Amino acid sequence: MNQPMWLKPLFRPGRLLATSGALTALNANGIPVVSVLLRHVAGDWGTVSDQDRQQNDLSISAGLRLISLYRLPDQTRILVITEWDRSSTTIEHLDDVVPDSVARPERPTSRRYPVWPFASYVQERRA
């Protein structure tokens, strides 16, 4: 008999924000936004590095920023960030946050968190 799997939220995500790039990628892969959010609030950090995974686990109780990274079926990467004060959670297409190379124009500085200069900042766990 198939039992439903219940996810226990570990924190409140606050206001949900999603960029158009993330929504487009999720829709193209048939992934509901809520499924990404549920994984994140349940502590499934996706493909972040082991070091980032440990930091997230500590950050739940310490009240620090939480970061998840999910790879979609078409290999697109979705970044989910919950702010330290749990006021909001943002779902973004990783390419919108981390510029590919010098060919990309500089991003506006109006973000509430830093734009990482290199894609290597968000390290994925090796399978």
N, C-alpha and C. Protein backbone atom coordinates (compact mmCIF):
# COMPACT_ATOMS: atom_id res chain seq x y z
N MET A 1 0.84 -1.18 0.00
CA MET A 1 0.00 0.00 0.00
C MET A 1 0.89 1.24 0.00
N ASN A 2 0.60 2.16 -0.90
CA ASN A 2 1.37 3.40 -0.97
C ASN A 2 0.92 4.38 0.09
N GLN A 3 1.84 4.78 0.92
CA GLN A 3 1.56 5.76 1.96
C GLN A 3 2.00 7.13 1.46
N PRO A 4 1.22 8.17 1.74
CA PRO A 4 1.67 9.50 1.33
C PRO A 4 2.88 9.92 2.14
N MET A 5 3.78 10.64 1.49
CA MET A 5 4.95 11.14 2.18
C MET A 5 4.64 12.54 2.70
N TRP A 6 4.85 12.75 3.99
CA TRP A 6 4.57 14.04 4.60
C TRP A 6 5.89 14.76 4.84
N LEU A 7 5.95 15.97 4.38
CA LEU A 7 7.13 16.79 4.59
C LEU A 7 6.88 17.70 5.78
N LYS A 8 7.82 17.72 6.71
CA LYS A 8 7.69 18.57 7.87
C LYS A 8 8.48 19.85 7.62
N PRO A 9 7.80 21.00 7.62
CA PRO A 9 8.54 22.24 7.40
C PRO A 9 9.46 22.55 8.57
N LEU A 10 10.68 22.98 8.26
CA LEU A 10 11.66 23.30 9.29
C LEU A 10 11.69 24.79 9.62
N PHE A 11 11.09 25.61 8.76
CA PHE A 11 11.07 27.06 8.96
C PHE A 11 9.94 27.65 8.12
N ARG A 12 9.59 28.89 8.44
CA ARG A 12 8.59 29.61 7.65
C ARG A 12 9.30 30.35 6.52
N PRO A 13 8.84 30.19 5.30
CA PRO A 13 9.55 30.80 4.17
C PRO A 13 9.29 32.29 3.98
N GLY A 14 8.29 32.84 4.64
CA GLY A 14 7.96 34.25 4.43
C GLY A 14 7.27 34.44 3.09
N ARG A 15 7.40 35.63 2.55
CA ARG A 15 6.77 35.95 1.26
C ARG A 15 7.51 35.25 0.14
N LEU A 16 6.77 34.63 -0.78
CA LEU A 16 7.37 33.91 -1.89
C LEU A 16 7.51 34.82 -3.10
N LEU A 17 8.74 34.86 -3.62
CA LEU A 17 9.04 35.63 -4.82
C LEU A 17 9.65 34.68 -5.84
N ALA A 18 9.28 34.84 -7.10
CA ALA A 18 9.85 33.99 -8.15
C ALA A 18 10.07 34.85 -9.38
N THR A 19 11.25 34.70 -9.96
CA THR A 19 11.56 35.47 -11.16
C THR A 19 10.88 34.85 -12.38
N SER A 20 10.73 35.65 -13.42
CA SER A 20 10.10 35.12 -14.64
C SER A 20 10.96 34.03 -15.25
N GLY A 21 12.28 34.15 -15.16
CA GLY A 21 13.17 33.11 -15.69
C GLY A 21 12.97 31.78 -14.98
N ALA A 22 12.81 31.83 -13.66
CA ALA A 22 12.58 30.60 -12.89
C ALA A 22 11.22 30.00 -13.23
N LEU A 23 10.21 30.84 -13.32
CA LEU A 23 8.87 30.33 -13.65
C LEU A 23 8.84 29.71 -15.04
N THR A 24 9.51 30.33 -15.98
CA THR A 24 9.57 29.79 -17.34
C THR A 24 10.26 28.43 -17.34
N ALA A 25 11.39 28.32 -16.63
CA ALA A 25 12.13 27.05 -16.58
C ALA A 25 11.32 25.96 -15.89
N LEU A 26 10.67 26.30 -14.79
CA LEU A 26 9.86 25.31 -14.06
C LEU A 26 8.69 24.84 -14.93
N ASN A 27 8.00 25.78 -15.59
CA ASN A 27 6.89 25.42 -16.46
C ASN A 27 7.35 24.55 -17.62
N ALA A 28 8.49 24.87 -18.21
CA ALA A 28 9.01 24.10 -19.34
C ALA A 28 9.33 22.66 -18.94
N ASN A 29 9.64 22.46 -17.65
CA ASN A 29 9.97 21.11 -17.16
C ASN A 29 8.80 20.44 -16.45
N GLY A 30 7.66 21.10 -16.41
CA GLY A 30 6.48 20.52 -15.77
C GLY A 30 6.61 20.39 -14.26
N ILE A 31 7.38 21.29 -13.65
CA ILE A 31 7.60 21.25 -12.20
C ILE A 31 6.80 22.38 -11.55
N PRO A 32 5.88 22.06 -10.64
CA PRO A 32 5.14 23.12 -9.95
C PRO A 32 6.05 23.89 -8.99
N VAL A 33 5.86 25.19 -8.91
CA VAL A 33 6.64 26.04 -8.02
C VAL A 33 6.54 25.54 -6.58
N VAL A 34 5.37 25.11 -6.19
CA VAL A 34 5.17 24.67 -4.80
C VAL A 34 6.03 23.45 -4.46
N SER A 35 6.34 22.60 -5.44
CA SER A 35 7.17 21.43 -5.13
C SER A 35 8.60 21.85 -4.79
N VAL A 36 9.10 22.87 -5.47
CA VAL A 36 10.44 23.39 -5.16
C VAL A 36 10.43 24.02 -3.77
N LEU A 37 9.40 24.79 -3.48
CA LEU A 37 9.28 25.44 -2.17
C LEU A 37 9.18 24.40 -1.05
N LEU A 38 8.38 23.37 -1.26
CA LEU A 38 8.22 22.33 -0.23
C LEU A 38 9.53 21.60 0.05
N ARG A 39 10.28 21.29 -0.98
CA ARG A 39 11.59 20.64 -0.77
C ARG A 39 12.50 21.53 0.06
N HIS A 40 12.51 22.81 -0.27
CA HIS A 40 13.38 23.77 0.42
C HIS A 40 13.01 23.90 1.90
N VAL A 41 11.74 24.10 2.22
CA VAL A 41 11.35 24.30 3.63
C VAL A 41 11.44 23.00 4.43
N ALA A 42 11.51 21.85 3.75
CA ALA A 42 11.64 20.57 4.46
C ALA A 42 13.12 20.19 4.67
N GLY A 43 14.04 21.04 4.19
CA GLY A 43 15.46 20.76 4.41
C GLY A 43 16.10 19.90 3.35
N ASP A 44 15.44 19.72 2.22
CA ASP A 44 16.06 19.04 1.08
C ASP A 44 16.73 20.15 0.28
N TRP A 45 18.03 20.30 0.46
CA TRP A 45 18.77 21.43 -0.11
C TRP A 45 19.18 21.19 -1.56
N GLY A 46 18.78 20.07 -2.14
CA GLY A 46 19.08 19.81 -3.54
C GLY A 46 20.53 19.43 -3.75
N THR A 47 21.19 20.08 -4.71
CA THR A 47 22.54 19.69 -5.11
C THR A 47 23.62 20.62 -4.58
N VAL A 48 23.36 21.33 -3.48
CA VAL A 48 24.41 22.18 -2.93
C VAL A 48 25.55 21.31 -2.41
N SER A 49 26.71 21.90 -2.23
CA SER A 49 27.86 21.15 -1.74
C SER A 49 27.62 20.68 -0.30
N ASP A 50 28.43 19.74 0.14
CA ASP A 50 28.30 19.25 1.51
C ASP A 50 28.53 20.36 2.52
N GLN A 51 29.45 21.25 2.22
CA GLN A 51 29.72 22.38 3.11
C GLN A 51 28.50 23.31 3.20
N ASP A 52 27.87 23.61 2.07
CA ASP A 52 26.67 24.45 2.07
C ASP A 52 25.51 23.73 2.77
N ARG A 53 25.43 22.42 2.60
CA ARG A 53 24.40 21.62 3.26
C ARG A 53 24.54 21.73 4.78
N GLN A 54 25.76 21.59 5.28
CA GLN A 54 26.01 21.70 6.72
C GLN A 54 25.70 23.11 7.21
N GLN A 55 26.08 24.11 6.41
CA GLN A 55 25.80 25.49 6.79
C GLN A 55 24.30 25.73 6.86
N ASN A 56 23.53 25.20 5.91
CA ASN A 56 22.08 25.34 5.94
C ASN A 56 21.49 24.69 7.19
N ASP A 57 21.97 23.50 7.53
CA ASP A 57 21.46 22.81 8.71
C ASP A 57 21.69 23.65 9.97
N LEU A 58 22.86 24.27 10.06
CA LEU A 58 23.14 25.15 11.20
C LEU A 58 22.34 26.45 11.13
N SER A 59 22.12 26.93 9.92
CA SER A 59 21.43 28.21 9.73
C SER A 59 19.96 28.17 10.13
N ILE A 60 19.36 27.00 10.14
CA ILE A 60 17.96 26.91 10.55
C ILE A 60 17.80 27.40 11.98
N SER A 61 18.62 26.90 12.88
CA SER A 61 18.51 27.31 14.28
C SER A 61 19.20 28.64 14.56
N ALA A 62 20.23 28.98 13.79
CA ALA A 62 20.98 30.21 14.03
C ALA A 62 20.32 31.43 13.39
N GLY A 63 19.34 31.21 12.53
CA GLY A 63 18.67 32.33 11.89
C GLY A 63 19.51 33.00 10.82
N LEU A 64 20.15 32.21 9.99
CA LEU A 64 20.94 32.74 8.88
C LEU A 64 20.28 32.39 7.55
N ARG A 65 20.79 32.96 6.48
CA ARG A 65 20.24 32.72 5.14
C ARG A 65 20.34 31.25 4.76
N LEU A 66 19.34 30.75 4.04
CA LEU A 66 19.28 29.36 3.59
C LEU A 66 19.32 29.34 2.06
N ILE A 67 20.12 28.44 1.51
CA ILE A 67 20.28 28.36 0.05
C ILE A 67 20.09 26.91 -0.41
N SER A 68 19.25 26.73 -1.42
CA SER A 68 19.06 25.43 -2.06
C SER A 68 19.33 25.58 -3.55
N LEU A 69 19.74 24.49 -4.16
CA LEU A 69 20.00 24.48 -5.60
C LEU A 69 19.40 23.20 -6.16
N TYR A 70 18.52 23.33 -7.13
CA TYR A 70 17.86 22.17 -7.73
C TYR A 70 18.13 22.14 -9.23
N ARG A 71 18.45 20.96 -9.72
CA ARG A 71 18.68 20.76 -11.16
C ARG A 71 17.40 20.16 -11.75
N LEU A 72 16.88 20.83 -12.77
CA LEU A 72 15.65 20.37 -13.43
C LEU A 72 15.99 19.31 -14.46
N PRO A 73 14.98 18.60 -14.97
CA PRO A 73 15.25 17.55 -15.96
C PRO A 73 16.03 18.02 -17.18
N ASP A 74 15.86 19.28 -17.59
CA ASP A 74 16.61 19.78 -18.75
C ASP A 74 17.98 20.37 -18.35
N GLN A 75 18.41 20.09 -17.11
CA GLN A 75 19.70 20.52 -16.57
C GLN A 75 19.75 21.99 -16.16
N THR A 76 18.65 22.70 -16.27
CA THR A 76 18.57 24.07 -15.76
C THR A 76 18.70 24.01 -14.24
N ARG A 77 19.39 25.00 -13.66
CA ARG A 77 19.53 25.03 -12.21
C ARG A 77 18.68 26.16 -11.62
N ILE A 78 17.94 25.82 -10.58
CA ILE A 78 17.07 26.76 -9.89
C ILE A 78 17.64 27.00 -8.49
N LEU A 79 17.80 28.26 -8.15
CA LEU A 79 18.34 28.67 -6.86
C LEU A 79 17.20 29.17 -5.99
N VAL A 80 17.15 28.69 -4.74
CA VAL A 80 16.13 29.13 -3.79
C VAL A 80 16.86 29.71 -2.58
N ILE A 81 16.51 30.93 -2.22
CA ILE A 81 17.15 31.61 -1.10
C ILE A 81 16.09 32.12 -0.14
N THR A 82 16.22 31.74 1.14
CA THR A 82 15.38 32.30 2.19
C THR A 82 16.25 33.25 3.00
N GLU A 83 15.76 34.46 3.19
CA GLU A 83 16.51 35.48 3.91
C GLU A 83 16.67 35.11 5.38
N TRP A 84 17.69 35.66 6.01
CA TRP A 84 18.03 35.35 7.40
C TRP A 84 16.87 35.59 8.35
N ASP A 85 16.05 36.62 8.08
CA ASP A 85 14.95 36.95 8.98
C ASP A 85 13.66 36.22 8.60
N ARG A 86 13.75 35.34 7.60
CA ARG A 86 12.62 34.53 7.10
C ARG A 86 11.48 35.40 6.57
N SER A 87 11.82 36.61 6.13
CA SER A 87 10.81 37.51 5.59
C SER A 87 10.40 37.13 4.17
N SER A 88 11.31 36.49 3.43
CA SER A 88 10.98 36.12 2.06
C SER A 88 11.85 34.98 1.57
N THR A 89 11.32 34.28 0.60
CA THR A 89 12.04 33.22 -0.11
C THR A 89 11.94 33.53 -1.59
N THR A 90 13.09 33.53 -2.25
CA THR A 90 13.15 33.87 -3.67
C THR A 90 13.58 32.65 -4.48
N ILE A 91 12.84 32.38 -5.55
CA ILE A 91 13.16 31.29 -6.46
C ILE A 91 13.65 31.94 -7.76
N GLU A 92 14.90 31.60 -8.15
CA GLU A 92 15.50 32.22 -9.31
C GLU A 92 16.17 31.19 -10.22
N HIS A 93 16.26 31.53 -11.47
CA HIS A 93 17.03 30.77 -12.44
C HIS A 93 18.48 31.12 -12.16
N LEU A 94 19.36 30.14 -11.96
CA LEU A 94 20.73 30.42 -11.56
C LEU A 94 21.45 31.33 -12.55
N ASP A 95 21.16 31.20 -13.84
CA ASP A 95 21.82 32.04 -14.84
C ASP A 95 21.44 33.51 -14.69
N ASP A 96 20.32 33.80 -14.04
CA ASP A 96 19.92 35.19 -13.81
C ASP A 96 20.69 35.80 -12.64
N VAL A 97 21.25 34.96 -11.78
CA VAL A 97 21.94 35.42 -10.59
C VAL A 97 23.45 35.42 -10.78
N VAL A 98 23.96 34.37 -11.40
CA VAL A 98 25.41 34.22 -11.61
C VAL A 98 25.68 34.44 -13.09
N PRO A 99 26.31 35.55 -13.43
CA PRO A 99 26.61 35.79 -14.85
C PRO A 99 27.50 34.68 -15.41
N ASP A 100 27.21 34.26 -16.65
CA ASP A 100 27.97 33.21 -17.30
C ASP A 100 29.43 33.60 -17.48
N SER A 101 29.64 34.73 -18.07
CA SER A 101 31.01 35.17 -18.36
C SER A 101 30.99 36.67 -18.58
N VAL A 102 32.06 37.19 -19.11
CA VAL A 102 32.14 38.62 -19.38
C VAL A 102 31.18 39.04 -20.49
N ALA A 103 30.66 38.09 -21.24
CA ALA A 103 29.76 38.42 -22.34
C ALA A 103 28.43 38.95 -21.83
N ARG A 104 28.07 38.63 -20.60
CA ARG A 104 26.81 39.08 -20.04
C ARG A 104 26.92 40.50 -19.52
N PRO A 105 25.89 41.32 -19.73
CA PRO A 105 25.94 42.68 -19.19
C PRO A 105 25.88 42.64 -17.66
N GLU A 106 26.40 43.69 -17.05
CA GLU A 106 26.41 43.77 -15.59
C GLU A 106 24.99 43.88 -15.08
N ARG A 107 24.71 43.19 -13.98
CA ARG A 107 23.37 43.19 -13.38
C ARG A 107 23.16 44.43 -12.53
N PRO A 108 21.91 44.85 -12.37
CA PRO A 108 21.64 45.99 -11.49
C PRO A 108 22.02 45.66 -10.05
N THR A 109 22.36 46.67 -9.28
CA THR A 109 22.80 46.47 -7.90
C THR A 109 21.66 46.64 -6.91
N SER A 110 20.43 46.58 -7.35
CA SER A 110 19.30 46.80 -6.45
C SER A 110 18.88 45.55 -5.69
N ARG A 111 19.61 44.45 -5.80
CA ARG A 111 19.26 43.22 -5.09
C ARG A 111 19.53 43.37 -3.61
N ARG A 112 18.80 42.61 -2.80
CA ARG A 112 18.99 42.64 -1.35
C ARG A 112 20.09 41.70 -0.91
N TYR A 113 20.68 40.95 -1.81
CA TYR A 113 21.77 40.06 -1.49
C TYR A 113 22.81 40.21 -2.59
N PRO A 114 24.03 39.85 -2.33
CA PRO A 114 25.07 40.08 -3.34
C PRO A 114 24.91 39.17 -4.55
N VAL A 115 25.28 39.71 -5.69
CA VAL A 115 25.35 38.89 -6.90
C VAL A 115 26.72 38.25 -6.88
N TRP A 116 26.77 36.95 -6.98
CA TRP A 116 28.04 36.24 -6.91
C TRP A 116 28.79 36.42 -8.21
N PRO A 117 30.06 36.76 -8.14
CA PRO A 117 30.81 37.04 -9.36
C PRO A 117 31.16 35.81 -10.19
N PHE A 118 31.17 34.65 -9.59
CA PHE A 118 31.57 33.46 -10.33
C PHE A 118 30.59 32.33 -10.11
N ALA A 119 30.34 31.55 -11.14
CA ALA A 119 29.43 30.42 -11.03
C ALA A 119 29.95 29.38 -10.04
N SER A 120 31.25 29.37 -9.79
CA SER A 120 31.81 28.39 -8.87
C SER A 120 31.41 28.65 -7.43
N TYR A 121 30.84 29.82 -7.13
CA TYR A 121 30.41 30.10 -5.75
C TYR A 121 29.37 29.08 -5.30
N VAL A 122 28.42 28.80 -6.17
CA VAL A 122 27.38 27.82 -5.85
C VAL A 122 27.88 26.48 -6.34
N GLN A 123 28.52 25.74 -5.48
CA GLN A 123 29.10 24.45 -5.84
C GLN A 123 28.05 23.35 -5.72
N GLU A 124 28.01 22.49 -6.68
CA GLU A 124 27.10 21.35 -6.62
C GLU A 124 27.82 20.14 -6.03
N ARG A 125 27.06 19.33 -5.33
CA ARG A 125 27.60 18.10 -4.78
C ARG A 125 27.91 17.15 -5.92
N ARG A 126 28.98 16.47 -5.83
CA ARG A 126 29.37 15.49 -6.86
C ARG A 126 28.58 14.21 -6.66
N ALA A 127 27.99 13.71 -7.73
CA ALA A 127 27.20 12.47 -7.64
C ALA A 127 28.06 11.25 -7.61
